[in-house]
Amino acid sequence: MNKKISLGAAITFMIVVAGITFCITMMVALNHFNDMVLNVKEREEMYKKISNLDAEVRQNYADASQIDEEYLSDMISAGYIQGIGDKYASYLTKDEYEAVLQEQNGQLVSIGVVLAKDQTGYLKVLSVQEGSPAQQNGIQRGDLLISVDGTDLKNLSLEDGEQLLKGNIGEKVTVVYRRDGVDTTKELQRITLSEVLVESRMIDQTGYILIREFSSSAISQFKTAVEELIQQGAVSFVFDVRGNNSDSISSTNDILNLLLPAGDLGTIVYADGSTRLSGTSDSYSIDMPMSVIVDADTGCAAEYFALMLREYGKANIVGTQTMGKSAIQELRPLNDGSAVYITVSHFLLPSETDIEGVGVKPDYEVKLSTSEGSEAVLTDETDTQLRKALETVNSKVVTEESSTASASE
């Protein structure tokens, strides 16, 4: 028997549903409002404390008149970023931000050398850019940089040593370099150089590509390197991302698109829990044996690069356990020309794997011996990780050639 609901009952039901919905909405909104009020109160207390501290210093510090206001502001900002608990975050002053923007555009004001820490404590020249002041003044791969403008580089960090070489266009810098135990002093002029982020060469029939950083500038350099190596007869590839901990996933996707077949390229997860597809690859791919070399300083985009190649069955991974960093940072400018570098998202692989704090376990774990040391003192013959990577791709080439020969018989 059909039962009809009266108009009055229907209206009453709708009013009840609307009332319940309104109550739930108000409860959620009230909780959100209370959280906002609490945050405002907490921030108000923080601002009061800073104001109180500033007043005490201004009134009682003996040298208050000598305070460098810009430096003080930078240190307060740096302290704030240090206190938020983001281990990857950092504060950049105006000058530091301008330098980063310049490098992001692929431009670098320096003398044209790539350096690494050497076991002697000095900085060793890994490569010299063609046409650079360094090359024009006789500096070669393998030389040791001893000092820059009178500052001894022994036991100075790589970052600090590189910073000494940077400066304004046209400024001169005096460097002392050592070769075969003989020190040479040269005065070089800093110029604007296109930053070399990708280096490549043939090792027998294998194309070796070193990727120092994943960025928009690296995409065209990588594509050119791949094309040139294939023209030179490469039948396999070894990609070296040791020491690479850049975080441009979008640039990495553009590079992966050259190597991988059609498919999805992972997921980006944001602070509010929302997600989006990291990217996709088209149907074009390079079907050659590949290997990726990693180490403890391989992080974020470089880990993503290695794992995506492995997940698609395109490459094995050689080296040591990686950094374990899926956190992605963005550079956010501030009103006064400075900037902050903060974590805004994480990436997940297509398998929904998050490597934060875990890292990548290589297919072939190969450590560099103490005698081999860092990248600065390695050669193709002494680099055991490179030798293993070459061995794995060469064995695949032989297997594929044998399979092709058998199929044709």
Protein backbone atom coordinates (compact mmCIF):
# COMPACT_ATOMS: atom_id res chain seq x y z
CA MET A 1 0.00 0.00 0.00
CA ASN A 2 1.42 3.39 -1.02
CA LYS A 3 1.74 5.92 1.71
CA LYS A 4 1.65 9.60 0.91
CA ILE A 5 3.54 12.13 3.02
CA SER A 6 1.55 15.26 3.73
CA LEU A 7 2.91 18.64 2.72
CA GLY A 8 3.12 19.68 6.35
CA ALA A 9 5.15 16.62 7.29
CA ALA A 10 7.51 17.21 4.38
CA ILE A 11 8.03 20.83 5.39
CA THR A 12 8.60 19.79 9.01
CA PHE A 13 11.18 17.21 7.90
CA MET A 14 13.02 19.79 5.80
CA ILE A 15 13.07 22.24 8.70
CA VAL A 16 14.50 19.57 11.02
CA VAL A 17 17.21 18.63 8.49
CA ALA A 18 18.05 22.30 7.93
CA GLY A 19 18.23 22.85 11.69
CA ILE A 20 20.57 19.91 12.20
CA THR A 21 22.76 21.05 9.31
CA PHE A 22 22.86 24.59 10.74
CA CYS A 23 23.84 23.29 14.19
CA ILE A 24 26.64 21.12 12.78
CA THR A 25 27.90 23.99 10.64
CA MET A 26 27.86 26.35 13.62
CA MET A 27 29.73 23.84 15.79
CA VAL A 28 32.45 23.40 13.16
CA ALA A 29 32.65 27.16 12.59
CA LEU A 30 32.79 27.83 16.32
CA ASN A 31 35.63 25.35 16.80
CA HIS A 32 37.49 26.94 13.89
CA PHE A 33 36.85 30.41 15.34
CA ASN A 34 38.10 29.33 18.77
CA ASP A 35 41.27 27.93 17.20
CA MET A 36 41.78 31.22 15.35
CA VAL A 37 41.27 33.24 18.53
CA LEU A 38 43.73 31.02 20.37
CA ASN A 39 46.30 31.48 17.58
CA VAL A 40 45.77 35.24 17.63
CA LYS A 41 46.28 35.33 21.40
CA GLU A 42 49.44 33.22 21.13
CA ARG A 43 50.84 35.48 18.42
CA GLU A 44 49.89 38.57 20.40
CA GLU A 45 51.89 37.22 23.34
CA MET A 46 54.86 36.54 21.05
CA TYR A 47 54.77 40.10 19.65
CA LYS A 48 54.49 41.52 23.17
CA LYS A 49 57.55 39.55 24.24
CA ILE A 50 59.62 40.79 21.30
CA SER A 51 58.47 44.37 22.00
CA ASN A 52 59.34 43.96 25.69
CA LEU A 53 62.75 42.55 24.82
CA ASP A 54 63.43 45.36 22.36
CA ALA A 55 62.45 48.00 24.95
CA GLU A 56 64.77 46.49 27.57
CA VAL A 57 67.70 46.44 25.14
CA ARG A 58 67.11 49.99 23.87
CA GLN A 59 66.93 51.36 27.42
CA ASN A 60 69.69 49.38 29.10
CA TYR A 61 72.20 48.05 26.54
CA ALA A 62 75.36 50.16 26.83
CA ASP A 63 75.97 50.18 23.06
CA ALA A 64 72.34 50.45 21.96
CA SER A 65 73.20 53.37 19.68
CA GLN A 66 75.57 51.10 17.73
CA ILE A 67 72.96 48.46 16.85
CA ASP A 68 72.88 47.60 13.16
CA GLU A 69 69.13 47.70 12.60
CA GLU A 70 69.17 45.77 9.32
CA TYR A 71 71.36 43.03 10.79
CA LEU A 72 69.15 42.86 13.88
CA SER A 73 66.04 42.49 11.72
CA ASP A 74 67.71 39.71 9.70
CA MET A 75 68.71 37.84 12.86
CA ILE A 76 65.18 38.11 14.33
CA SER A 77 63.76 36.74 11.09
CA ALA A 78 66.35 33.94 10.96
CA GLY A 79 65.55 33.03 14.58
CA TYR A 80 61.84 32.89 13.81
CA ILE A 81 62.40 30.45 10.94
CA GLN A 82 64.72 28.38 13.09
CA GLY A 83 62.03 28.18 15.75
CA ILE A 84 59.16 26.86 13.59
CA GLY A 85 60.51 23.31 13.61
CA ASP A 86 61.03 22.97 9.84
CA LYS A 87 64.49 21.42 9.57
CA TYR A 88 64.69 22.36 5.90
CA ALA A 89 63.60 25.99 6.31
CA SER A 90 65.93 28.97 6.11
CA TYR A 91 65.83 32.75 5.98
CA LEU A 92 67.58 34.67 3.19
CA THR A 93 68.73 38.27 3.42
CA LYS A 94 68.19 40.63 0.48
CA ASP A 95 71.65 39.94 -0.91
CA GLU A 96 71.30 36.17 -0.45
CA TYR A 97 67.90 36.19 -2.14
CA GLU A 98 69.21 38.18 -5.11
CA ALA A 99 72.07 35.70 -5.50
CA VAL A 100 69.65 32.76 -5.44
CA LEU A 101 67.42 34.37 -8.07
CA GLN A 102 70.44 34.92 -10.26
CA GLU A 103 71.45 31.26 -9.97
CA GLN A 104 67.87 30.12 -10.62
CA ASN A 105 68.04 32.00 -13.91
CA GLY A 106 71.10 29.95 -14.79
CA GLN A 107 73.48 32.85 -14.28
CA LEU A 108 76.42 32.81 -11.89
CA VAL A 109 78.94 35.58 -11.20
CA SER A 110 82.19 33.77 -10.45
CA ILE A 111 85.39 32.50 -12.06
CA GLY A 112 84.05 29.28 -13.62
CA VAL A 113 85.10 26.28 -11.51
CA VAL A 114 83.20 23.39 -9.93
CA LEU A 115 84.73 22.43 -6.59
CA ALA A 116 84.57 19.64 -4.03
CA LYS A 117 86.10 19.12 -0.62
CA ASP A 118 89.44 17.31 -0.80
CA GLN A 119 91.00 15.00 1.78
CA THR A 120 93.78 17.57 2.26
CA GLY A 121 91.21 20.02 3.66
CA TYR A 122 91.48 22.32 0.63
CA LEU A 123 89.04 22.57 -2.29
CA LYS A 124 89.77 20.55 -5.39
CA VAL A 125 88.79 21.63 -8.90
CA LEU A 126 86.45 19.05 -10.44
CA SER A 127 85.91 20.90 -13.70
CA VAL A 128 86.70 24.21 -15.36
CA GLN A 129 84.12 25.94 -17.53
CA GLU A 130 85.20 26.59 -21.08
CA GLY A 131 85.98 30.25 -21.75
CA SER A 132 85.87 31.15 -18.06
CA PRO A 133 88.44 33.34 -16.24
CA ALA A 134 89.68 30.20 -14.50
CA GLN A 135 90.43 28.45 -17.80
CA GLN A 136 92.01 31.58 -19.31
CA ASN A 137 94.34 31.81 -16.30
CA GLY A 138 95.53 28.21 -16.49
CA ILE A 139 93.49 26.56 -13.71
CA GLN A 140 92.88 22.88 -14.50
CA ARG A 141 90.86 19.95 -13.23
CA GLY A 142 92.68 18.41 -10.26
CA ASP A 143 94.24 21.65 -9.00
CA LEU A 144 93.83 22.53 -5.32
CA LEU A 145 92.52 25.98 -4.40
CA ILE A 146 94.63 27.13 -1.44
CA SER A 147 93.32 30.63 -0.73
CA VAL A 148 90.91 33.30 -2.01
CA ASP A 149 91.75 36.96 -1.40
CA GLY A 150 94.11 35.93 1.39
CA THR A 151 91.61 33.62 3.14
CA ASP A 152 93.10 30.16 3.70
CA LEU A 153 90.65 27.54 2.42
CA LYS A 154 92.01 24.66 4.48
CA ASN A 155 89.24 23.22 6.66
CA LEU A 156 86.80 25.84 5.32
CA SER A 157 83.47 24.35 4.21
CA LEU A 158 82.74 23.90 0.52
CA GLU A 159 79.85 26.39 0.72
CA ASP A 160 81.98 29.07 2.38
CA GLY A 161 84.79 28.55 -0.12
CA GLU A 162 82.41 28.87 -3.07
CA GLN A 163 80.91 32.01 -1.54
CA LEU A 164 84.34 33.66 -1.46
CA LEU A 165 84.63 33.20 -5.22
CA LYS A 166 81.30 34.88 -5.90
CA GLY A 167 80.84 38.63 -6.09
CA ASN A 168 79.87 41.46 -8.39
CA ILE A 169 80.51 41.52 -12.13
CA GLY A 170 83.92 42.99 -12.94
CA GLU A 171 85.34 42.65 -9.43
CA LYS A 172 88.74 40.99 -9.20
CA VAL A 173 89.63 38.13 -6.93
CA THR A 174 93.09 36.76 -6.09
CA VAL A 175 93.35 32.97 -5.90
CA VAL A 176 96.25 30.70 -5.04
CA TYR A 177 96.09 27.22 -6.57
CA ARG A 178 98.44 24.26 -6.16
CA ARG A 179 99.56 21.77 -8.81
CA ASP A 180 102.22 19.11 -8.24
CA GLY A 181 103.22 20.83 -5.00
CA VAL A 182 103.78 24.22 -6.66
CA ASP A 183 101.60 27.20 -5.68
CA THR A 184 100.58 29.77 -8.28
CA THR A 185 98.91 33.12 -7.60
CA LYS A 186 96.50 34.61 -10.14
CA GLU A 187 94.22 37.64 -10.18
CA LEU A 188 90.96 36.81 -11.94
CA GLN A 189 88.00 38.96 -12.88
CA ARG A 190 84.53 37.76 -11.96
CA ILE A 191 82.14 37.53 -14.90
CA THR A 192 78.60 36.31 -15.52
CA LEU A 193 78.60 32.66 -16.54
CA SER A 194 75.87 30.28 -17.57
CA GLU A 195 75.81 27.72 -14.78
CA VAL A 196 76.71 24.20 -15.89
CA LEU A 197 74.29 21.88 -14.11
CA VAL A 198 74.69 18.84 -16.35
CA GLU A 199 77.99 17.33 -17.46
CA SER A 200 78.32 14.41 -19.84
CA ARG A 201 80.87 12.20 -21.60
CA MET A 202 81.26 8.79 -23.14
CA ILE A 203 82.80 5.95 -21.14
CA ASP A 204 83.36 3.25 -23.75
CA GLN A 205 79.81 2.70 -25.13
CA THR A 206 78.01 4.15 -22.12
CA GLY A 207 76.77 7.71 -21.87
CA TYR A 208 77.67 9.11 -18.46
CA ILE A 209 75.60 12.10 -17.28
CA LEU A 210 76.28 13.96 -14.03
CA ILE A 211 73.27 15.98 -12.85
CA ARG A 212 74.39 18.53 -10.25
CA GLU A 213 70.95 20.08 -9.79
CA PHE A 214 67.38 19.69 -11.01
CA SER A 215 66.09 23.07 -12.16
CA SER A 216 64.56 24.74 -15.21
CA SER A 217 68.07 25.46 -16.52
CA ALA A 218 69.03 21.79 -16.23
CA ILE A 219 66.25 20.55 -18.54
CA SER A 220 67.73 21.80 -21.83
CA GLN A 221 71.25 20.87 -20.71
CA PHE A 222 70.11 17.30 -19.98
CA LYS A 223 68.25 16.97 -23.28
CA THR A 224 71.29 18.20 -25.21
CA ALA A 225 73.56 15.80 -23.32
CA VAL A 226 71.33 12.80 -24.09
CA GLU A 227 71.06 13.69 -27.78
CA GLU A 228 74.82 14.21 -28.17
CA LEU A 229 75.69 10.96 -26.39
CA ILE A 230 73.27 8.97 -28.56
CA GLN A 231 74.86 10.54 -31.65
CA GLN A 232 78.24 9.44 -30.30
CA GLY A 233 77.02 5.85 -30.14
CA ALA A 234 75.81 5.41 -26.56
CA VAL A 235 74.00 2.09 -26.04
CA SER A 236 73.38 2.61 -22.31
CA PHE A 237 73.28 5.40 -19.73
CA VAL A 238 74.59 6.01 -16.22
CA PHE A 239 73.08 8.97 -14.38
CA ASP A 240 75.08 10.33 -11.43
CA VAL A 241 73.03 12.24 -8.83
CA ARG A 242 75.44 11.94 -5.90
CA GLY A 243 75.39 15.10 -3.80
CA ASN A 244 72.27 16.36 -5.61
CA ASN A 245 69.57 17.38 -3.12
CA SER A 246 67.64 19.96 -5.14
CA ASP A 247 63.86 20.04 -4.82
CA SER A 248 62.35 21.06 -8.17
CA ILE A 249 60.01 18.14 -8.83
CA SER A 250 58.48 19.87 -11.87
CA SER A 251 61.90 20.15 -13.55
CA THR A 252 62.62 16.53 -12.66
CA ASN A 253 59.34 15.50 -14.32
CA ASP A 254 60.38 17.27 -17.53
CA ILE A 255 63.63 15.31 -17.52
CA LEU A 256 61.89 12.01 -16.68
CA ASN A 257 59.49 12.62 -19.56
CA LEU A 258 62.43 12.14 -21.93
CA LEU A 259 63.22 8.74 -20.44
CA LEU A 260 59.95 7.14 -19.34
CA PRO A 261 56.96 5.74 -21.25
CA ALA A 262 53.42 7.07 -20.82
CA GLY A 263 52.19 7.12 -17.23
CA ASP A 264 51.67 9.08 -14.03
CA LEU A 265 54.63 10.53 -12.15
CA GLY A 266 53.65 10.50 -8.51
CA THR A 267 51.55 12.66 -6.19
CA ILE A 268 52.13 15.93 -4.33
CA VAL A 269 50.59 16.21 -0.84
CA TYR A 270 50.07 19.69 0.63
CA ALA A 271 49.90 20.87 4.24
CA ASP A 272 46.09 20.91 4.25
CA GLY A 273 45.98 17.28 3.11
CA SER A 274 44.96 18.06 -0.47
CA THR A 275 46.73 16.21 -3.26
CA ARG A 276 47.40 16.56 -6.95
CA LEU A 277 49.13 14.51 -9.59
CA SER A 278 52.80 15.46 -9.75
CA GLY A 279 52.94 15.07 -13.52
CA THR A 280 52.67 12.65 -16.43
CA SER A 281 55.00 11.23 -19.04
CA ASP A 282 54.14 10.94 -22.73
CA SER A 283 54.59 7.84 -24.88
CA TYR A 284 58.13 8.72 -26.04
CA SER A 285 60.87 7.01 -24.05
CA ILE A 286 64.49 5.92 -24.39
CA ASP A 287 64.78 2.14 -24.35
CA MET A 288 68.36 1.58 -23.24
CA PRO A 289 69.85 -0.02 -20.10
CA MET A 290 70.17 2.62 -17.37
CA SER A 291 71.67 2.93 -13.91
CA VAL A 292 71.52 5.73 -11.32
CA ILE A 293 74.34 6.37 -8.82
CA VAL A 294 73.28 7.77 -5.42
CA ASP A 295 74.85 8.49 -2.04
CA ALA A 296 73.97 9.79 1.44
CA ASP A 297 73.77 13.35 0.07
CA THR A 298 71.25 12.44 -2.64
CA GLY A 299 67.92 13.95 -1.64
CA CYS A 300 64.43 15.03 -2.68
CA ALA A 301 64.20 15.54 -6.46
CA ALA A 302 67.25 13.33 -7.05
CA GLU A 303 65.73 10.54 -4.95
CA TYR A 304 62.46 11.01 -6.85
CA PHE A 305 64.37 10.77 -10.15
CA ALA A 306 66.10 7.52 -9.18
CA LEU A 307 62.96 5.93 -7.74
CA MET A 308 60.74 6.84 -10.69
CA LEU A 309 63.21 5.22 -13.10
CA ARG A 310 63.28 2.11 -10.91
CA GLU A 311 59.49 1.95 -10.43
CA TYR A 312 59.05 1.98 -14.21
CA GLY A 313 61.65 -0.78 -14.55
CA LYS A 314 63.97 1.49 -16.53
CA ALA A 315 67.01 1.58 -14.23
CA ASN A 316 68.71 0.02 -11.25
CA ILE A 317 70.19 2.08 -8.41
CA VAL A 318 73.83 1.83 -7.28
CA GLY A 319 75.56 3.42 -4.29
CA THR A 320 74.61 3.96 -0.66
CA GLN A 321 71.40 4.71 1.27
CA THR A 322 70.12 8.17 0.33
CA MET A 323 69.10 11.15 2.46
CA GLY A 324 65.38 10.37 2.77
CA LYS A 325 63.78 13.73 1.95
CA SER A 326 60.35 13.90 0.34
CA ALA A 327 59.70 17.39 1.74
CA ILE A 328 59.52 20.07 -0.96
CA GLN A 329 60.45 23.67 -0.20
CA GLU A 330 59.46 26.91 -1.88
CA LEU A 331 61.22 30.24 -1.86
CA ARG A 332 58.74 32.88 -0.69
CA PRO A 333 59.70 36.58 -1.06
CA LEU A 334 59.02 39.06 1.76
CA ASN A 335 58.04 42.71 1.45
CA ASP A 336 61.50 44.11 2.22
CA GLY A 337 63.29 42.10 -0.49
CA SER A 338 64.37 39.23 1.74
CA ALA A 339 62.84 35.74 1.51
CA VAL A 340 62.08 32.52 3.37
CA TYR A 341 62.61 28.97 2.21
CA ILE A 342 59.94 26.74 3.80
CA THR A 343 58.44 23.30 3.36
CA VAL A 344 55.10 23.48 1.52
CA SER A 345 54.47 19.87 0.44
CA HIS A 346 55.71 16.28 0.17
CA PHE A 347 55.88 13.94 -2.79
CA LEU A 348 54.66 10.36 -2.97
CA LEU A 349 55.61 7.79 -5.60
CA PRO A 350 52.93 6.12 -7.76
CA SER A 351 53.06 3.23 -5.26
CA GLU A 352 52.04 5.79 -2.54
CA THR A 353 55.47 5.40 -0.92
CA ASP A 354 56.80 8.29 1.19
CA ILE A 355 60.59 8.21 1.65
CA GLU A 356 60.83 11.00 4.25
CA GLY A 357 63.31 9.88 6.91
CA VAL A 358 63.70 6.53 5.16
CA GLY A 359 65.66 7.13 1.98
CA VAL A 360 66.30 4.91 -1.00
CA LYS A 361 67.94 1.51 -0.63
CA PRO A 362 70.12 0.83 -3.69
CA ASP A 363 69.75 -2.36 -5.71
CA TYR A 364 73.53 -2.66 -5.47
CA GLU A 365 74.99 -1.23 -2.28
CA VAL A 366 78.53 -0.07 -3.00
CA LYS A 367 80.56 2.10 -0.66
CA LEU A 368 83.58 4.18 -1.49
CA SER A 369 86.59 3.01 0.48
CA THR A 370 88.51 5.37 2.75
CA SER A 371 91.38 5.42 0.29
CA GLU A 372 89.04 6.49 -2.50
CA GLY A 373 87.63 9.37 -0.46
CA SER A 374 85.22 11.91 -1.92
CA GLU A 375 84.29 12.81 -5.46
CA ALA A 376 87.25 15.20 -5.52
CA VAL A 377 89.83 12.42 -5.71
CA LEU A 378 87.95 9.87 -7.80
CA THR A 379 88.75 8.72 -11.31
CA ASP A 380 86.82 6.38 -13.59
CA GLU A 381 89.12 3.59 -12.43
CA THR A 382 88.96 4.24 -8.66
CA ASP A 383 85.26 5.14 -8.46
CA THR A 384 83.82 1.78 -7.36
CA GLN A 385 80.24 3.02 -7.53
CA LEU A 386 80.69 4.16 -11.13
CA ARG A 387 82.42 0.87 -12.01
CA LYS A 388 79.46 -1.11 -10.61
CA ALA A 389 76.93 1.04 -12.48
CA LEU A 390 78.85 0.51 -15.72
CA GLU A 391 79.00 -3.21 -15.04
CA THR A 392 75.23 -3.48 -14.57
CA VAL A 393 74.32 -1.61 -17.76
CA ASN A 394 76.97 -3.41 -19.80
CA SER A 395 75.64 -6.79 -18.70
CA LYS A 396 72.16 -5.75 -19.84
CA VAL A 397 73.54 -4.65 -23.21
CA VAL A 398 75.21 -8.05 -23.67
CA THR A 399 71.99 -9.86 -22.64
CA GLU A 400 69.87 -7.81 -25.04
CA GLU A 401 72.33 -8.36 -27.88
CA SER A 402 72.32 -12.12 -27.21
CA SER A 403 68.50 -12.18 -27.18
CA THR A 404 68.35 -10.28 -30.45
CA ALA A 405 70.86 -12.63 -32.05
CA SER A 406 68.91 -15.71 -30.88
CA ALA A 407 65.64 -14.29 -32.18
CA SER A 408 67.13 -13.67 -35.63
CA GLU A 409 68.46 -17.23 -36.01
